[in-house]
Amino acid sequence: MSKTNKPLSKSLDYPLYEKMKRKSPRASKYWMMGDRLYHAGLFLTMLCLPAVFYVYTQMESSGMFIGMMGVLFGSIGIFAVGIYLKRESYKLAIKAGIDIDKI
């Protein structure tokens, strides 16, 4: 039986990660961390938005609203760090001679 290699991510720029793995391991690490944080932050933000609106409509939950806003801002922060790390991986890939436009 042959085992097929599944991609580690369903990102559209995953083939670029494969090139980075060969030519610039540091860029590939940044890409992987950025990809994971990007998806986690996006997922948490999508979960928090309905919860924030639900808590906002409740009259007695002012402390809960502040907590939910903190969680929302934290998830947006995770999302932003993921974008930043992927951008840095692209910069490192360009320095290593990888053409990031051809995926």
PDB file of N, CA and C in Angstrom:
ATOM      1  N   MET A   1       0.839  -1.177   0.000  1.00  0.00           N
ATOM      2  CA  MET A   1       0.000   0.000   0.000  1.00  0.00           C
ATOM      3  C   MET A   1       0.880   1.234   0.000  1.00  0.00           C
ATOM      4  N   SER A   2       0.539   2.149  -0.825  1.00  0.00           N
ATOM      5  CA  SER A   2       1.310   3.395  -0.861  1.00  0.00           C
ATOM      6  C   SER A   2       0.537   4.479  -0.109  1.00  0.00           C
ATOM      7  N   LYS A   3       1.279   5.250   0.615  1.00  0.00           N
ATOM      8  CA  LYS A   3       0.684   6.324   1.400  1.00  0.00           C
ATOM      9  C   LYS A   3       0.811   7.624   0.613  1.00  0.00           C
ATOM     10  N   THR A   4      -0.295   8.309   0.403  1.00  0.00           N
ATOM     11  CA  THR A   4      -0.244   9.581  -0.313  1.00  0.00           C
ATOM     12  C   THR A   4       0.069  10.698   0.673  1.00  0.00           C
ATOM     13  N   ASN A   5       0.890  11.622   0.227  1.00  0.00           N
ATOM     14  CA  ASN A   5       1.243  12.755   1.074  1.00  0.00           C
ATOM     15  C   ASN A   5       0.147  13.804   1.008  1.00  0.00           C
ATOM     16  N   LYS A   6      -0.430  14.077   2.162  1.00  0.00           N
ATOM     17  CA  LYS A   6      -1.439  15.120   2.242  1.00  0.00           C
ATOM     18  C   LYS A   6      -0.745  16.440   2.551  1.00  0.00           C
ATOM     19  N   PRO A   7      -1.218  17.533   1.980  1.00  0.00           N
ATOM     20  CA  PRO A   7      -0.631  18.824   2.337  1.00  0.00           C
ATOM     21  C   PRO A   7      -0.932  19.161   3.796  1.00  0.00           C
ATOM     22  N   LEU A   8      -0.011  19.885   4.420  1.00  0.00           N
ATOM     23  CA  LEU A   8      -0.182  20.271   5.810  1.00  0.00           C
ATOM     24  C   LEU A   8      -1.222  21.363   5.977  1.00  0.00           C
ATOM     25  N   SER A   9      -1.499  22.081   4.916  1.00  0.00           N
ATOM     26  CA  SER A   9      -2.423  23.195   4.978  1.00  0.00           C
ATOM     27  C   SER A   9      -3.240  23.242   3.701  1.00  0.00           C
ATOM     28  N   LYS A  10      -4.409  23.824   3.782  1.00  0.00           N
ATOM     29  CA  LYS A  10      -5.243  23.989   2.602  1.00  0.00           C
ATOM     30  C   LYS A  10      -5.109  25.393   2.027  1.00  0.00           C
ATOM     31  N   SER A  11      -4.076  26.118   2.452  1.00  0.00           N
ATOM     32  CA  SER A  11      -3.846  27.462   1.946  1.00  0.00           C
ATOM     33  C   SER A  11      -3.518  27.417   0.457  1.00  0.00           C
ATOM     34  N   LEU A  12      -3.904  28.476  -0.240  1.00  0.00           N
ATOM     35  CA  LEU A  12      -3.660  28.531  -1.671  1.00  0.00           C
ATOM     36  C   LEU A  12      -2.178  28.683  -2.002  1.00  0.00           C
ATOM     37  N   ASP A  13      -1.406  29.212  -1.051  1.00  0.00           N
ATOM     38  CA  ASP A  13       0.019  29.393  -1.300  1.00  0.00           C
ATOM     39  C   ASP A  13       0.858  28.266  -0.707  1.00  0.00           C
ATOM     40  N   TYR A  14       0.279  27.111  -0.490  1.00  0.00           N
ATOM     41  CA  TYR A  14       1.019  25.971   0.043  1.00  0.00           C
ATOM     42  C   TYR A  14       2.168  25.525  -0.870  1.00  0.00           C
ATOM     43  N   PRO A  15       2.009  25.548  -2.203  1.00  0.00           N
ATOM     44  CA  PRO A  15       3.160  25.186  -3.044  1.00  0.00           C
ATOM     45  C   PRO A  15       4.370  26.104  -2.810  1.00  0.00           C
ATOM     46  N   LEU A  16       4.125  27.347  -2.474  1.00  0.00           N
ATOM     47  CA  LEU A  16       5.220  28.254  -2.140  1.00  0.00           C
ATOM     48  C   LEU A  16       5.934  27.784  -0.877  1.00  0.00           C
ATOM     49  N   TYR A  17       5.185  27.271   0.079  1.00  0.00           N
ATOM     50  CA  TYR A  17       5.784  26.725   1.304  1.00  0.00           C
ATOM     51  C   TYR A  17       6.716  25.567   0.965  1.00  0.00           C
ATOM     52  N   GLU A  18       6.318  24.722   0.035  1.00  0.00           N
ATOM     53  CA  GLU A  18       7.152  23.586  -0.368  1.00  0.00           C
ATOM     54  C   GLU A  18       8.477  24.076  -0.949  1.00  0.00           C
ATOM     55  N   LYS A  19       8.422  25.150  -1.749  1.00  0.00           N
ATOM     56  CA  LYS A  19       9.660  25.718  -2.296  1.00  0.00           C
ATOM     57  C   LYS A  19      10.508  26.314  -1.179  1.00  0.00           C
ATOM     58  N   MET A  20       9.855  26.974  -0.231  1.00  0.00           N
ATOM     59  CA  MET A  20      10.574  27.592   0.883  1.00  0.00           C
ATOM     60  C   MET A  20      11.273  26.536   1.727  1.00  0.00           C
ATOM     61  N   LYS A  21      10.630  25.393   1.891  1.00  0.00           N
ATOM     62  CA  LYS A  21      11.210  24.319   2.699  1.00  0.00           C
ATOM     63  C   LYS A  21      12.560  23.876   2.148  1.00  0.00           C
ATOM     64  N   ARG A  22      12.675  23.868   0.841  1.00  0.00           N
ATOM     65  CA  ARG A  22      13.924  23.438   0.216  1.00  0.00           C
ATOM     66  C   ARG A  22      14.991  24.524   0.219  1.00  0.00           C
ATOM     67  N   LYS A  23      14.595  25.746  -0.096  1.00  0.00           N
ATOM     68  CA  LYS A  23      15.585  26.806  -0.272  1.00  0.00           C
ATOM     69  C   LYS A  23      15.827  27.668   0.966  1.00  0.00           C
ATOM     70  N   SER A  24      14.810  27.878   1.774  1.00  0.00           N
ATOM     71  CA  SER A  24      14.940  28.762   2.933  1.00  0.00           C
ATOM     72  C   SER A  24      14.124  28.206   4.106  1.00  0.00           C
ATOM     73  N   PRO A  25      14.726  27.345   4.918  1.00  0.00           N
ATOM     74  CA  PRO A  25      13.994  26.736   6.037  1.00  0.00           C
ATOM     75  C   PRO A  25      13.440  27.766   7.032  1.00  0.00           C
ATOM     76  N   ARG A  26      14.159  28.851   7.243  1.00  0.00           N
ATOM     77  CA  ARG A  26      13.674  29.882   8.170  1.00  0.00           C
ATOM     78  C   ARG A  26      12.377  30.509   7.649  1.00  0.00           C
ATOM     79  N   ALA A  27      12.334  30.791   6.352  1.00  0.00           N
ATOM     80  CA  ALA A  27      11.119  31.348   5.755  1.00  0.00           C
ATOM     81  C   ALA A  27       9.963  30.356   5.866  1.00  0.00           C
ATOM     82  N   SER A  28      10.262  29.076   5.702  1.00  0.00           N
ATOM     83  CA  SER A  28       9.183  28.084   5.790  1.00  0.00           C
ATOM     84  C   SER A  28       8.634  27.986   7.213  1.00  0.00           C
ATOM     85  N   LYS A  29       9.496  28.160   8.222  1.00  0.00           N
ATOM     86  CA  LYS A  29       9.010  28.150   9.606  1.00  0.00           C
ATOM     87  C   LYS A  29       8.107  29.348   9.874  1.00  0.00           C
ATOM     88  N   TYR A  30       8.516  30.515   9.385  1.00  0.00           N
ATOM     89  CA  TYR A  30       7.678  31.705   9.536  1.00  0.00           C
ATOM     90  C   TYR A  30       6.341  31.512   8.827  1.00  0.00           C
ATOM     91  N   TRP A  31       6.396  30.910   7.634  1.00  0.00           N
ATOM     92  CA  TRP A  31       5.171  30.694   6.878  1.00  0.00           C
ATOM     93  C   TRP A  31       4.223  29.782   7.648  1.00  0.00           C
ATOM     94  N   MET A  32       4.755  28.689   8.199  1.00  0.00           N
ATOM     95  CA  MET A  32       3.910  27.726   8.912  1.00  0.00           C
ATOM     96  C   MET A  32       3.295  28.360  10.156  1.00  0.00           C
ATOM     97  N   MET A  33       4.114  29.087  10.940  1.00  0.00           N
ATOM     98  CA  MET A  33       3.570  29.754  12.128  1.00  0.00           C
ATOM     99  C   MET A  33       2.518  30.782  11.728  1.00  0.00           C
ATOM    100  N   GLY A  34       2.816  31.548  10.692  1.00  0.00           N
ATOM    101  CA  GLY A  34       1.870  32.559  10.224  1.00  0.00           C
ATOM    102  C   GLY A  34       0.575  31.950   9.730  1.00  0.00           C
ATOM    103  N   ASP A  35       0.685  30.847   9.008  1.00  0.00           N
ATOM    104  CA  ASP A  35      -0.511  30.185   8.486  1.00  0.00           C
ATOM    105  C   ASP A  35      -1.386  29.659   9.613  1.00  0.00           C
ATOM    106  N   ARG A  36      -0.766  29.038  10.597  1.00  0.00           N
ATOM    107  CA  ARG A  36      -1.530  28.502  11.738  1.00  0.00           C
ATOM    108  C   ARG A  36      -2.198  29.626  12.536  1.00  0.00           C
ATOM    109  N   LEU A  37      -1.442  30.692  12.822  1.00  0.00           N
ATOM    110  CA  LEU A  37      -2.009  31.807  13.586  1.00  0.00           C
ATOM    111  C   LEU A  37      -3.083  32.539  12.793  1.00  0.00           C
ATOM    112  N   TYR A  38      -2.889  32.692  11.504  1.00  0.00           N
ATOM    113  CA  TYR A  38      -3.883  33.338  10.650  1.00  0.00           C
ATOM    114  C   TYR A  38      -5.215  32.588  10.716  1.00  0.00           C
ATOM    115  N   HIS A  39      -5.154  31.275  10.515  1.00  0.00           N
ATOM    116  CA  HIS A  39      -6.393  30.494  10.526  1.00  0.00           C
ATOM    117  C   HIS A  39      -7.032  30.439  11.914  1.00  0.00           C
ATOM    118  N   ALA A  40      -6.208  30.323  12.961  1.00  0.00           N
ATOM    119  CA  ALA A  40      -6.753  30.301  14.321  1.00  0.00           C
ATOM    120  C   ALA A  40      -7.405  31.632  14.656  1.00  0.00           C
ATOM    121  N   GLY A  41      -6.757  32.738  14.308  1.00  0.00           N
ATOM    122  CA  GLY A  41      -7.316  34.057  14.585  1.00  0.00           C
ATOM    123  C   GLY A  41      -8.590  34.301  13.806  1.00  0.00           C
ATOM    124  N   LEU A  42      -8.623  33.865  12.560  1.00  0.00           N
ATOM    125  CA  LEU A  42      -9.826  34.024  11.750  1.00  0.00           C
ATOM    126  C   LEU A  42     -10.983  33.227  12.345  1.00  0.00           C
ATOM    127  N   PHE A  43     -10.712  31.995  12.740  1.00  0.00           N
ATOM    128  CA  PHE A  43     -11.744  31.143  13.336  1.00  0.00           C
ATOM    129  C   PHE A  43     -12.269  31.736  14.650  1.00  0.00           C
ATOM    130  N   LEU A  44     -11.357  32.170  15.515  1.00  0.00           N
ATOM    131  CA  LEU A  44     -11.777  32.745  16.796  1.00  0.00           C
ATOM    132  C   LEU A  44     -12.553  34.043  16.607  1.00  0.00           C
ATOM    133  N   THR A  45     -12.156  34.846  15.650  1.00  0.00           N
ATOM    134  CA  THR A  45     -12.880  36.088  15.380  1.00  0.00           C
ATOM    135  C   THR A  45     -14.290  35.788  14.898  1.00  0.00           C
ATOM    136  N   MET A  46     -14.415  34.806  14.030  1.00  0.00           N
ATOM    137  CA  MET A  46     -15.743  34.446  13.535  1.00  0.00           C
ATOM    138  C   MET A  46     -16.621  33.883  14.652  1.00  0.00           C
ATOM    139  N   LEU A  47     -16.030  33.202  15.625  1.00  0.00           N
ATOM    140  CA  LEU A  47     -16.802  32.694  16.754  1.00  0.00           C
ATOM    141  C   LEU A  47     -17.186  33.803  17.724  1.00  0.00           C
ATOM    142  N   CYS A  48     -16.295  34.775  17.914  1.00  0.00           N
ATOM    143  CA  CYS A  48     -16.522  35.818  18.904  1.00  0.00           C
ATOM    144  C   CYS A  48     -17.557  36.853  18.477  1.00  0.00           C
ATOM    145  N   LEU A  49     -17.637  37.140  17.186  1.00  0.00           N
ATOM    146  CA  LEU A  49     -18.553  38.196  16.751  1.00  0.00           C
ATOM    147  C   LEU A  49     -20.010  37.935  17.145  1.00  0.00           C
ATOM    148  N   PRO A  50     -20.573  36.762  16.875  1.00  0.00           N
ATOM    149  CA  PRO A  50     -21.950  36.534  17.313  1.00  0.00           C
ATOM    150  C   PRO A  50     -22.089  36.566  18.845  1.00  0.00           C
ATOM    151  N   ALA A  51     -21.082  36.070  19.545  1.00  0.00           N
ATOM    152  CA  ALA A  51     -21.141  36.074  21.006  1.00  0.00           C
ATOM    153  C   ALA A  51     -21.122  37.497  21.548  1.00  0.00           C
ATOM    154  N   VAL A  52     -20.320  38.366  20.950  1.00  0.00           N
ATOM    155  CA  VAL A  52     -20.270  39.767  21.390  1.00  0.00           C
ATOM    156  C   VAL A  52     -21.618  40.424  21.170  1.00  0.00           C
ATOM    157  N   PHE A  53     -22.247  40.211  20.027  1.00  0.00           N
ATOM    158  CA  PHE A  53     -23.551  40.820  19.776  1.00  0.00           C
ATOM    159  C   PHE A  53     -24.627  40.254  20.708  1.00  0.00           C
ATOM    160  N   TYR A  54     -24.545  38.972  21.008  1.00  0.00           N
ATOM    161  CA  TYR A  54     -25.504  38.381  21.936  1.00  0.00           C
ATOM    162  C   TYR A  54     -25.351  38.981  23.336  1.00  0.00           C
ATOM    163  N   VAL A  55     -24.122  39.076  23.802  1.00  0.00           N
ATOM    164  CA  VAL A  55     -23.871  39.634  25.137  1.00  0.00           C
ATOM    165  C   VAL A  55     -24.249  41.104  25.171  1.00  0.00           C
ATOM    166  N   TYR A  56     -24.021  41.825  24.070  1.00  0.00           N
ATOM    167  CA  TYR A  56     -24.350  43.251  24.002  1.00  0.00           C
ATOM    168  C   TYR A  56     -25.849  43.490  24.168  1.00  0.00           C
ATOM    169  N   THR A  57     -26.673  42.581  23.667  1.00  0.00           N
ATOM    170  CA  THR A  57     -28.127  42.760  23.753  1.00  0.00           C
ATOM    171  C   THR A  57     -28.679  42.440  25.139  1.00  0.00           C
ATOM    172  N   GLN A  58     -27.929  41.785  25.989  1.00  0.00           N
ATOM    173  CA  GLN A  58     -28.381  41.465  27.341  1.00  0.00           C
ATOM    174  C   GLN A  58     -28.146  42.669  28.253  1.00  0.00           C
ATOM    175  N   MET A  59     -29.115  43.034  29.047  1.00  0.00           N
ATOM    176  CA  MET A  59     -29.032  44.242  29.870  1.00  0.00           C
ATOM    177  C   MET A  59     -28.084  44.086  31.059  1.00  0.00           C
ATOM    178  N   GLU A  60     -28.060  42.957  31.721  1.00  0.00           N
ATOM    179  CA  GLU A  60     -27.330  42.793  32.978  1.00  0.00           C
ATOM    180  C   GLU A  60     -25.898  42.284  32.788  1.00  0.00           C
ATOM    181  N   SER A  61     -25.427  42.163  31.601  1.00  0.00           N
ATOM    182  CA  SER A  61     -24.137  41.508  31.395  1.00  0.00           C
ATOM    183  C   SER A  61     -23.044  42.499  30.966  1.00  0.00           C
ATOM    184  N   SER A  62     -22.884  43.590  31.707  1.00  0.00           N
ATOM    185  CA  SER A  62     -21.881  44.581  31.316  1.00  0.00           C
ATOM    186  C   SER A  62     -20.462  44.039  31.510  1.00  0.00           C
ATOM    187  N   GLY A  63     -20.227  43.291  32.583  1.00  0.00           N
ATOM    188  CA  GLY A  63     -18.905  42.689  32.793  1.00  0.00           C
ATOM    189  C   GLY A  63     -18.598  41.632  31.757  1.00  0.00           C
ATOM    190  N   MET A  64     -19.593  40.896  31.381  1.00  0.00           N
ATOM    191  CA  MET A  64     -19.428  39.861  30.358  1.00  0.00           C
ATOM    192  C   MET A  64     -19.106  40.494  29.008  1.00  0.00           C
ATOM    193  N   PHE A  65     -19.706  41.640  28.728  1.00  0.00           N
ATOM    194  CA  PHE A  65     -19.451  42.337  27.459  1.00  0.00           C
ATOM    195  C   PHE A  65     -17.990  42.773  27.378  1.00  0.00           C
ATOM    196  N   ILE A  66     -17.452  43.291  28.463  1.00  0.00           N
ATOM    197  CA  ILE A  66     -16.058  43.726  28.486  1.00  0.00           C
ATOM    198  C   ILE A  66     -15.132  42.520  28.267  1.00  0.00           C
ATOM    199  N   GLY A  67     -15.455  41.408  28.888  1.00  0.00           N
ATOM    200  CA  GLY A  67     -14.664  40.192  28.699  1.00  0.00           C
ATOM    201  C   GLY A  67     -14.715  39.690  27.268  1.00  0.00           C
ATOM    202  N   MET A  68     -15.892  39.715  26.671  1.00  0.00           N
ATOM    203  CA  MET A  68     -16.030  39.259  25.286  1.00  0.00           C
ATOM    204  C   MET A  68     -15.299  40.191  24.323  1.00  0.00           C
ATOM    205  N   MET A  69     -15.303  41.479  24.619  1.00  0.00           N
ATOM    206  CA  MET A  69     -14.558  42.417  23.779  1.00  0.00           C
ATOM    207  C   MET A  69     -13.057  42.138  23.889  1.00  0.00           C
ATOM    208  N   GLY A  70     -12.595  41.785  25.083  1.00  0.00           N
ATOM    209  CA  GLY A  70     -11.189  41.418  25.259  1.00  0.00           C
ATOM    210  C   GLY A  70     -10.821  40.187  24.444  1.00  0.00           C
ATOM    211  N   VAL A  71     -11.696  39.197  24.468  1.00  0.00           N
ATOM    212  CA  VAL A  71     -11.455  37.978  23.685  1.00  0.00           C
ATOM    213  C   VAL A  71     -11.464  38.309  22.193  1.00  0.00           C
ATOM    214  N   LEU A  72     -12.381  39.170  21.767  1.00  0.00           N
ATOM    215  CA  LEU A  72     -12.451  39.565  20.361  1.00  0.00           C
ATOM    216  C   LEU A  72     -11.173  40.278  19.929  1.00  0.00           C
ATOM    217  N   PHE A  73     -10.720  41.232  20.730  1.00  0.00           N
ATOM    218  CA  PHE A  73      -9.494  41.955  20.376  1.00  0.00           C
ATOM    219  C   PHE A  73      -8.280  41.024  20.400  1.00  0.00           C
ATOM    220  N   GLY A  74      -8.273  40.061  21.308  1.00  0.00           N
ATOM    221  CA  GLY A  74      -7.191  39.077  21.335  1.00  0.00           C
ATOM    222  C   GLY A  74      -7.172  38.227  20.073  1.00  0.00           C
ATOM    223  N   SER A  75      -8.338  37.804  19.626  1.00  0.00           N
ATOM    224  CA  SER A  75      -8.398  36.974  18.419  1.00  0.00           C
ATOM    225  C   SER A  75      -8.020  37.791  17.183  1.00  0.00           C
ATOM    226  N   ILE A  76      -8.381  39.059  17.157  1.00  0.00           N
ATOM    227  CA  ILE A  76      -7.962  39.918  16.045  1.00  0.00           C
ATOM    228  C   ILE A  76      -6.442  40.099  16.086  1.00  0.00           C
ATOM    229  N   GLY A  77      -5.878  40.173  17.286  1.00  0.00           N
ATOM    230  CA  GLY A  77      -4.427  40.270  17.422  1.00  0.00           C
ATOM    231  C   GLY A  77      -3.724  39.032  16.902  1.00  0.00           C
ATOM    232  N   ILE A  78      -4.254  37.857  17.208  1.00  0.00           N
ATOM    233  CA  ILE A  78      -3.685  36.598  16.706  1.00  0.00           C
ATOM    234  C   ILE A  78      -3.737  36.580  15.178  1.00  0.00           C
ATOM    235  N   PHE A  79      -4.843  37.017  14.632  1.00  0.00           N
ATOM    236  CA  PHE A  79      -5.028  37.104  13.188  1.00  0.00           C
ATOM    237  C   PHE A  79      -3.971  38.021  12.563  1.00  0.00           C
ATOM    238  N   ALA A  80      -3.751  39.184  13.187  1.00  0.00           N
ATOM    239  CA  ALA A  80      -2.786  40.156  12.665  1.00  0.00           C
ATOM    240  C   ALA A  80      -1.348  39.628  12.751  1.00  0.00           C
ATOM    241  N   VAL A  81      -1.011  38.928  13.827  1.00  0.00           N
ATOM    242  CA  VAL A  81       0.330  38.354  13.957  1.00  0.00           C
ATOM    243  C   VAL A  81       0.548  37.291  12.874  1.00  0.00           C
ATOM    244  N   GLY A  82      -0.470  36.522  12.567  1.00  0.00           N
ATOM    245  CA  GLY A  82      -0.365  35.526  11.499  1.00  0.00           C
ATOM    246  C   GLY A  82      -0.088  36.170  10.150  1.00  0.00           C
ATOM    247  N   ILE A  83      -0.782  37.274   9.866  1.00  0.00           N
ATOM    248  CA  ILE A  83      -0.549  37.991   8.613  1.00  0.00           C
ATOM    249  C   ILE A  83       0.874  38.541   8.582  1.00  0.00           C
ATOM    250  N   TYR A  84       1.330  39.093   9.691  1.00  0.00           N
ATOM    251  CA  TYR A  84       2.680  39.653   9.765  1.00  0.00           C
ATOM    252  C   TYR A  84       3.747  38.580   9.516  1.00  0.00           C
ATOM    253  N   LEU A  85       3.586  37.415  10.145  1.00  0.00           N
ATOM    254  CA  LEU A  85       4.572  36.349   9.975  1.00  0.00           C
ATOM    255  C   LEU A  85       4.607  35.825   8.541  1.00  0.00           C
ATOM    256  N   LYS A  86       3.449  35.726   7.898  1.00  0.00           N
ATOM    257  CA  LYS A  86       3.441  35.282   6.508  1.00  0.00           C
ATOM    258  C   LYS A  86       4.122  36.319   5.615  1.00  0.00           C
ATOM    259  N   ARG A  87       3.912  37.588   5.910  1.00  0.00           N
ATOM    260  CA  ARG A  87       4.562  38.640   5.129  1.00  0.00           C
ATOM    261  C   ARG A  87       6.083  38.573   5.295  1.00  0.00           C
ATOM    262  N   GLU A  88       6.531  38.326   6.525  1.00  0.00           N
ATOM    263  CA  GLU A  88       7.966  38.195   6.767  1.00  0.00           C
ATOM    264  C   GLU A  88       8.539  36.974   6.058  1.00  0.00           C
ATOM    265  N   SER A  89       7.765  35.898   5.985  1.00  0.00           N
ATOM    266  CA  SER A  89       8.246  34.710   5.271  1.00  0.00           C
ATOM    267  C   SER A  89       8.392  35.005   3.788  1.00  0.00           C
ATOM    268  N   TYR A  90       7.498  35.806   3.231  1.00  0.00           N
ATOM    269  CA  TYR A  90       7.610  36.188   1.827  1.00  0.00           C
ATOM    270  C   TYR A  90       8.871  37.015   1.596  1.00  0.00           C
ATOM    271  N   LYS A  91       9.169  37.925   2.515  1.00  0.00           N
ATOM    272  CA  LYS A  91      10.386  38.740   2.390  1.00  0.00           C
ATOM    273  C   LYS A  91      11.633  37.859   2.423  1.00  0.00           C
ATOM    274  N   LEU A  92      11.661  36.893   3.340  1.00  0.00           N
ATOM    275  CA  LEU A  92      12.805  35.980   3.418  1.00  0.00           C
ATOM    276  C   LEU A  92      12.911  35.113   2.163  1.00  0.00           C
ATOM    277  N   ALA A  93      11.771  34.724   1.624  1.00  0.00           N
ATOM    278  CA  ALA A  93      11.779  33.909   0.407  1.00  0.00           C
ATOM    279  C   ALA A  93      12.327  34.702  -0.774  1.00  0.00           C
ATOM    280  N   ILE A  94      11.976  35.967  -0.863  1.00  0.00           N
ATOM    281  CA  ILE A  94      12.491  36.802  -1.940  1.00  0.00           C
ATOM    282  C   ILE A  94      14.003  36.945  -1.814  1.00  0.00           C
ATOM    283  N   LYS A  95      14.491  37.124  -0.582  1.00  0.00           N
ATOM    284  CA  LYS A  95      15.935  37.224  -0.366  1.00  0.00           C
ATOM    285  C   LYS A  95      16.654  35.931  -0.741  1.00  0.00           C
ATOM    286  N   ALA A  96      15.978  34.800  -0.591  1.00  0.00           N
ATOM    287  CA  ALA A  96      16.575  33.504  -0.932  1.00  0.00           C
ATOM    288  C   ALA A  96      16.484  33.204  -2.423  1.00  0.00           C
ATOM    289  N   GLY A  97      15.840  34.078  -3.182  1.00  0.00           N
ATOM    290  CA  GLY A  97      15.752  33.892  -4.626  1.00  0.00           C
ATOM    291  C   GLY A  97      14.534  33.139  -5.096  1.00  0.00           C
ATOM    292  N   ILE A  98      13.527  33.024  -4.267  1.00  0.00           N
ATOM    293  CA  ILE A  98      12.302  32.323  -4.650  1.00  0.00           C
ATOM    294  C   ILE A  98      11.334  33.344  -5.255  1.00  0.00           C
ATOM    295  N   ASP A  99      10.795  33.018  -6.409  1.00  0.00           N
ATOM    296  CA  ASP A  99       9.813  33.896  -7.049  1.00  0.00           C
ATOM    297  C   ASP A  99       8.448  33.610  -6.441  1.00  0.00           C
ATOM    298  N   ILE A 100       7.959  34.540  -5.636  1.00  0.00           N
ATOM    299  CA  ILE A 100       6.698  34.289  -4.929  1.00  0.00           C
ATOM    300  C   ILE A 100       5.480  34.511  -5.808  1.00  0.00           C
ATOM    301  N   ASP A 101       5.662  35.086  -7.003  1.00  0.00           N
ATOM    302  CA  ASP A 101       4.528  35.309  -7.904  1.00  0.00           C
ATOM    303  C   ASP A 101       4.124  34.044  -8.643  1.00  0.00           C
ATOM    304  N   LYS A 102       5.060  33.117  -8.818  1.00  0.00           N
ATOM    305  CA  LYS A 102       4.764  31.877  -9.524  1.00  0.00           C
ATOM    306  C   LYS A 102       4.534  30.766  -8.524  1.00  0.00           C
ATOM    307  N   ILE A 103       3.293  30.466  -8.298  1.00  0.00           N
ATOM    308  CA  ILE A 103       2.952  29.412  -7.338  1.00  0.00           C
ATOM    309  C   ILE A 103       2.481  28.194  -8.090  1.00  0.00           C
TER     310      ILE A 103
END
